Amino acid sequence: MEQEVPVTIHSGKPKELTEEPRYETPKQQSEISETLDQALSRFKQSEFGTLMLKGAEKATEYIKKNPGQAMLFSVGAGAFFGLLLKKK
């Protein structure tokens, strides 16, 4: 089965950039980092965050106590989502 692939041929040299690319400055990076740290700490202190941490601890304990069963659950969940989301 053959497919046709469109080919675009550009003539001449590529156009020069009119503006210099903008890069994040270290100041912007530090501001973003601080904002994310603050949001994460607020999330951890919230009621939902503490519930998530407790759930994660319980899941870790279950996996350590029952590694085989946990692996089978994860394989089953992966297969289920793979079938659910597969392309038609």
N, C-alpha and C. Protein backbone atom coordinates (compact mmCIF):
# COMPACT_ATOMS: atom_id res chain seq x y z
N MET A 1 0.84 -1.16 0.00
CA MET A 1 0.00 0.00 0.00
C MET A 1 0.89 1.24 0.00
N GLU A 2 0.73 2.08 -1.00
CA GLU A 2 1.57 3.26 -1.11
C GLU A 2 0.79 4.49 -0.70
N GLN A 3 1.49 5.40 -0.07
CA GLN A 3 0.88 6.66 0.32
C GLN A 3 1.67 7.79 -0.30
N GLU A 4 0.95 8.83 -0.68
CA GLU A 4 1.61 10.00 -1.21
C GLU A 4 1.90 10.96 -0.07
N VAL A 5 3.11 11.44 -0.04
CA VAL A 5 3.51 12.37 1.00
C VAL A 5 3.74 13.73 0.35
N PRO A 6 3.02 14.77 0.82
CA PRO A 6 3.24 16.08 0.21
C PRO A 6 4.63 16.61 0.56
N VAL A 7 5.28 17.19 -0.44
CA VAL A 7 6.63 17.72 -0.25
C VAL A 7 6.59 19.22 -0.52
N THR A 8 7.11 19.99 0.40
CA THR A 8 7.17 21.44 0.23
C THR A 8 8.61 21.82 -0.03
N ILE A 9 8.84 22.50 -1.14
CA ILE A 9 10.19 22.92 -1.48
C ILE A 9 10.27 24.42 -1.26
N HIS A 10 11.19 24.83 -0.41
CA HIS A 10 11.38 26.24 -0.11
C HIS A 10 12.43 26.81 -1.05
N SER A 11 12.12 27.94 -1.62
CA SER A 11 13.11 28.56 -2.50
C SER A 11 13.83 29.67 -1.74
N GLY A 12 15.08 29.80 -2.01
CA GLY A 12 15.85 30.87 -1.40
C GLY A 12 16.28 30.53 0.02
N LYS A 13 16.89 31.52 0.64
CA LYS A 13 17.38 31.34 2.00
C LYS A 13 16.25 31.56 2.99
N PRO A 14 16.35 30.96 4.17
CA PRO A 14 15.30 31.20 5.17
C PRO A 14 15.34 32.65 5.63
N LYS A 15 14.17 33.16 5.97
CA LYS A 15 14.08 34.55 6.42
C LYS A 15 14.77 34.70 7.77
N GLU A 16 15.37 35.84 7.95
CA GLU A 16 16.05 36.14 9.20
C GLU A 16 15.01 36.46 10.26
N LEU A 17 15.32 36.13 11.50
CA LEU A 17 14.42 36.47 12.59
C LEU A 17 14.42 37.97 12.80
N THR A 18 13.24 38.53 13.00
CA THR A 18 13.17 39.97 13.22
C THR A 18 13.44 40.33 14.67
N GLU A 19 13.15 39.41 15.58
CA GLU A 19 13.38 39.66 17.00
C GLU A 19 14.29 38.59 17.56
N GLU A 20 14.99 38.95 18.59
CA GLU A 20 15.80 37.97 19.30
C GLU A 20 14.86 37.04 20.07
N PRO A 21 15.17 35.76 20.15
CA PRO A 21 14.34 34.88 20.96
C PRO A 21 14.38 35.31 22.43
N ARG A 22 13.23 35.20 23.09
CA ARG A 22 13.16 35.61 24.48
C ARG A 22 13.43 34.40 25.37
N TYR A 23 14.32 34.59 26.29
CA TYR A 23 14.65 33.54 27.23
C TYR A 23 14.27 34.00 28.62
N GLU A 24 13.91 33.04 29.46
CA GLU A 24 13.59 33.39 30.84
C GLU A 24 14.86 33.80 31.56
N THR A 25 14.73 34.82 32.35
CA THR A 25 15.87 35.27 33.13
C THR A 25 15.91 34.50 34.44
N PRO A 26 17.05 34.46 35.10
CA PRO A 26 17.12 33.79 36.39
C PRO A 26 16.13 34.36 37.40
N LYS A 27 15.84 35.67 37.31
CA LYS A 27 14.88 36.28 38.23
C LYS A 27 13.49 35.69 38.00
N GLN A 28 13.09 35.54 36.75
CA GLN A 28 11.79 34.95 36.45
C GLN A 28 11.73 33.50 36.91
N GLN A 29 12.81 32.77 36.71
CA GLN A 29 12.84 31.38 37.14
C GLN A 29 12.71 31.28 38.64
N SER A 30 13.38 32.15 39.38
CA SER A 30 13.29 32.08 40.84
C SER A 30 11.90 32.47 41.31
N GLU A 31 11.25 33.44 40.65
CA GLU A 31 9.88 33.82 41.02
C GLU A 31 8.92 32.66 40.77
N ILE A 32 9.07 32.00 39.64
CA ILE A 32 8.21 30.86 39.33
C ILE A 32 8.44 29.74 40.33
N SER A 33 9.68 29.48 40.66
CA SER A 33 10.01 28.44 41.63
C SER A 33 9.41 28.74 42.99
N GLU A 34 9.52 29.99 43.44
CA GLU A 34 8.95 30.38 44.73
C GLU A 34 7.43 30.23 44.73
N THR A 35 6.79 30.63 43.64
CA THR A 35 5.34 30.52 43.54
C THR A 35 4.91 29.06 43.60
N LEU A 36 5.61 28.19 42.88
CA LEU A 36 5.27 26.77 42.91
C LEU A 36 5.50 26.17 44.29
N ASP A 37 6.59 26.56 44.95
CA ASP A 37 6.85 26.07 46.31
C ASP A 37 5.75 26.49 47.27
N GLN A 38 5.30 27.74 47.16
CA GLN A 38 4.23 28.22 48.03
C GLN A 38 2.94 27.46 47.77
N ALA A 39 2.62 27.23 46.49
CA ALA A 39 1.40 26.51 46.16
C ALA A 39 1.46 25.08 46.67
N LEU A 40 2.62 24.44 46.57
CA LEU A 40 2.78 23.08 47.05
C LEU A 40 2.64 23.02 48.57
N SER A 41 3.23 23.97 49.27
CA SER A 41 3.13 23.95 50.73
C SER A 41 1.69 24.22 51.17
N ARG A 42 0.97 25.12 50.47
CA ARG A 42 -0.44 25.35 50.80
C ARG A 42 -1.27 24.09 50.55
N PHE A 43 -0.96 23.38 49.46
CA PHE A 43 -1.69 22.15 49.16
C PHE A 43 -1.45 21.09 50.24
N LYS A 44 -0.19 20.95 50.66
CA LYS A 44 0.13 19.96 51.69
C LYS A 44 -0.55 20.29 53.01
N GLN A 45 -0.74 21.57 53.31
CA GLN A 45 -1.37 21.97 54.56
C GLN A 45 -2.89 21.91 54.48
N SER A 46 -3.46 21.82 53.29
CA SER A 46 -4.91 21.78 53.15
C SER A 46 -5.44 20.42 53.57
N GLU A 47 -6.75 20.36 53.81
CA GLU A 47 -7.39 19.11 54.23
C GLU A 47 -7.25 18.04 53.15
N PHE A 48 -7.46 18.44 51.91
CA PHE A 48 -7.34 17.49 50.81
C PHE A 48 -5.91 16.98 50.67
N GLY A 49 -4.95 17.86 50.88
CA GLY A 49 -3.55 17.46 50.80
C GLY A 49 -3.18 16.44 51.86
N THR A 50 -3.67 16.64 53.08
CA THR A 50 -3.37 15.67 54.14
C THR A 50 -4.05 14.34 53.85
N LEU A 51 -5.26 14.38 53.30
CA LEU A 51 -5.93 13.12 52.92
C LEU A 51 -5.15 12.40 51.83
N MET A 52 -4.63 13.15 50.87
CA MET A 52 -3.83 12.54 49.80
C MET A 52 -2.56 11.90 50.36
N LEU A 53 -1.90 12.59 51.29
CA LEU A 53 -0.68 12.03 51.88
C LEU A 53 -0.98 10.77 52.68
N LYS A 54 -2.10 10.76 53.42
CA LYS A 54 -2.47 9.56 54.17
C LYS A 54 -2.78 8.41 53.21
N GLY A 55 -3.47 8.71 52.12
CA GLY A 55 -3.78 7.68 51.13
C GLY A 55 -2.52 7.13 50.49
N ALA A 56 -1.57 7.99 50.22
CA ALA A 56 -0.31 7.55 49.63
C ALA A 56 0.46 6.66 50.61
N GLU A 57 0.43 7.00 51.90
CA GLU A 57 1.10 6.17 52.91
C GLU A 57 0.44 4.80 53.00
N LYS A 58 -0.91 4.76 52.97
CA LYS A 58 -1.62 3.48 53.02
C LYS A 58 -1.30 2.63 51.79
N ALA A 59 -1.24 3.27 50.63
CA ALA A 59 -0.92 2.54 49.40
C ALA A 59 0.49 1.97 49.47
N THR A 60 1.42 2.75 50.00
CA THR A 60 2.81 2.28 50.13
C THR A 60 2.88 1.08 51.07
N GLU A 61 2.17 1.15 52.19
CA GLU A 61 2.15 0.03 53.13
C GLU A 61 1.56 -1.21 52.48
N TYR A 62 0.45 -1.06 51.74
CA TYR A 62 -0.19 -2.20 51.09
C TYR A 62 0.75 -2.83 50.07
N ILE A 63 1.45 -2.00 49.31
CA ILE A 63 2.37 -2.52 48.30
C ILE A 63 3.51 -3.29 48.95
N LYS A 64 4.01 -2.79 50.08
CA LYS A 64 5.09 -3.48 50.78
C LYS A 64 4.62 -4.80 51.36
N LYS A 65 3.37 -4.86 51.84
CA LYS A 65 2.84 -6.10 52.43
C LYS A 65 2.42 -7.10 51.36
N ASN A 66 1.89 -6.64 50.24
CA ASN A 66 1.36 -7.52 49.19
C ASN A 66 1.91 -7.12 47.82
N PRO A 67 3.20 -7.35 47.56
CA PRO A 67 3.75 -6.88 46.28
C PRO A 67 3.18 -7.60 45.06
N GLY A 68 2.92 -8.87 45.17
CA GLY A 68 2.40 -9.62 44.03
C GLY A 68 1.01 -9.16 43.65
N GLN A 69 0.15 -9.02 44.64
CA GLN A 69 -1.21 -8.57 44.39
C GLN A 69 -1.23 -7.14 43.85
N ALA A 70 -0.37 -6.30 44.38
CA ALA A 70 -0.30 -4.92 43.91
C ALA A 70 0.14 -4.87 42.45
N MET A 71 1.08 -5.74 42.08
CA MET A 71 1.54 -5.77 40.70
C MET A 71 0.42 -6.24 39.78
N LEU A 72 -0.34 -7.25 40.20
CA LEU A 72 -1.45 -7.72 39.38
C LEU A 72 -2.52 -6.65 39.23
N PHE A 73 -2.79 -5.90 40.30
CA PHE A 73 -3.75 -4.80 40.21
C PHE A 73 -3.29 -3.76 39.20
N SER A 74 -2.00 -3.43 39.24
CA SER A 74 -1.50 -2.40 38.32
C SER A 74 -1.51 -2.90 36.88
N VAL A 75 -1.22 -4.17 36.66
CA VAL A 75 -1.28 -4.73 35.30
C VAL A 75 -2.73 -4.71 34.81
N GLY A 76 -3.65 -5.10 35.68
CA GLY A 76 -5.07 -5.09 35.31
C GLY A 76 -5.57 -3.69 35.01
N ALA A 77 -5.17 -2.73 35.83
CA ALA A 77 -5.60 -1.34 35.60
C ALA A 77 -5.00 -0.82 34.29
N GLY A 78 -3.75 -1.15 34.03
CA GLY A 78 -3.12 -0.72 32.78
C GLY A 78 -3.81 -1.33 31.56
N ALA A 79 -4.16 -2.61 31.65
CA ALA A 79 -4.86 -3.27 30.55
C ALA A 79 -6.24 -2.65 30.34
N PHE A 80 -6.93 -2.38 31.45
CA PHE A 80 -8.26 -1.77 31.36
C PHE A 80 -8.20 -0.41 30.68
N PHE A 81 -7.28 0.45 31.14
CA PHE A 81 -7.17 1.77 30.55
C PHE A 81 -6.64 1.70 29.12
N GLY A 82 -5.79 0.73 28.83
CA GLY A 82 -5.32 0.56 27.46
C GLY A 82 -6.45 0.20 26.52
N LEU A 83 -7.33 -0.70 26.94
CA LEU A 83 -8.48 -1.06 26.12
C LEU A 83 -9.47 0.09 26.02
N LEU A 84 -9.61 0.81 27.11
CA LEU A 84 -10.56 1.92 27.14
C LEU A 84 -10.12 3.07 26.23
N LEU A 85 -8.83 3.33 26.19
CA LEU A 85 -8.32 4.49 25.46
C LEU A 85 -7.67 4.15 24.13
N LYS A 86 -7.75 2.89 23.70
CA LYS A 86 -7.07 2.52 22.46
C LYS A 86 -7.70 3.24 21.27
N LYS A 87 -6.89 3.43 20.26
CA LYS A 87 -7.37 4.08 19.05
C LYS A 87 -8.14 3.07 18.22
N LYS A 88 -9.17 3.55 17.58
CA LYS A 88 -10.00 2.66 16.77
C LYS A 88 -9.57 2.67 15.34
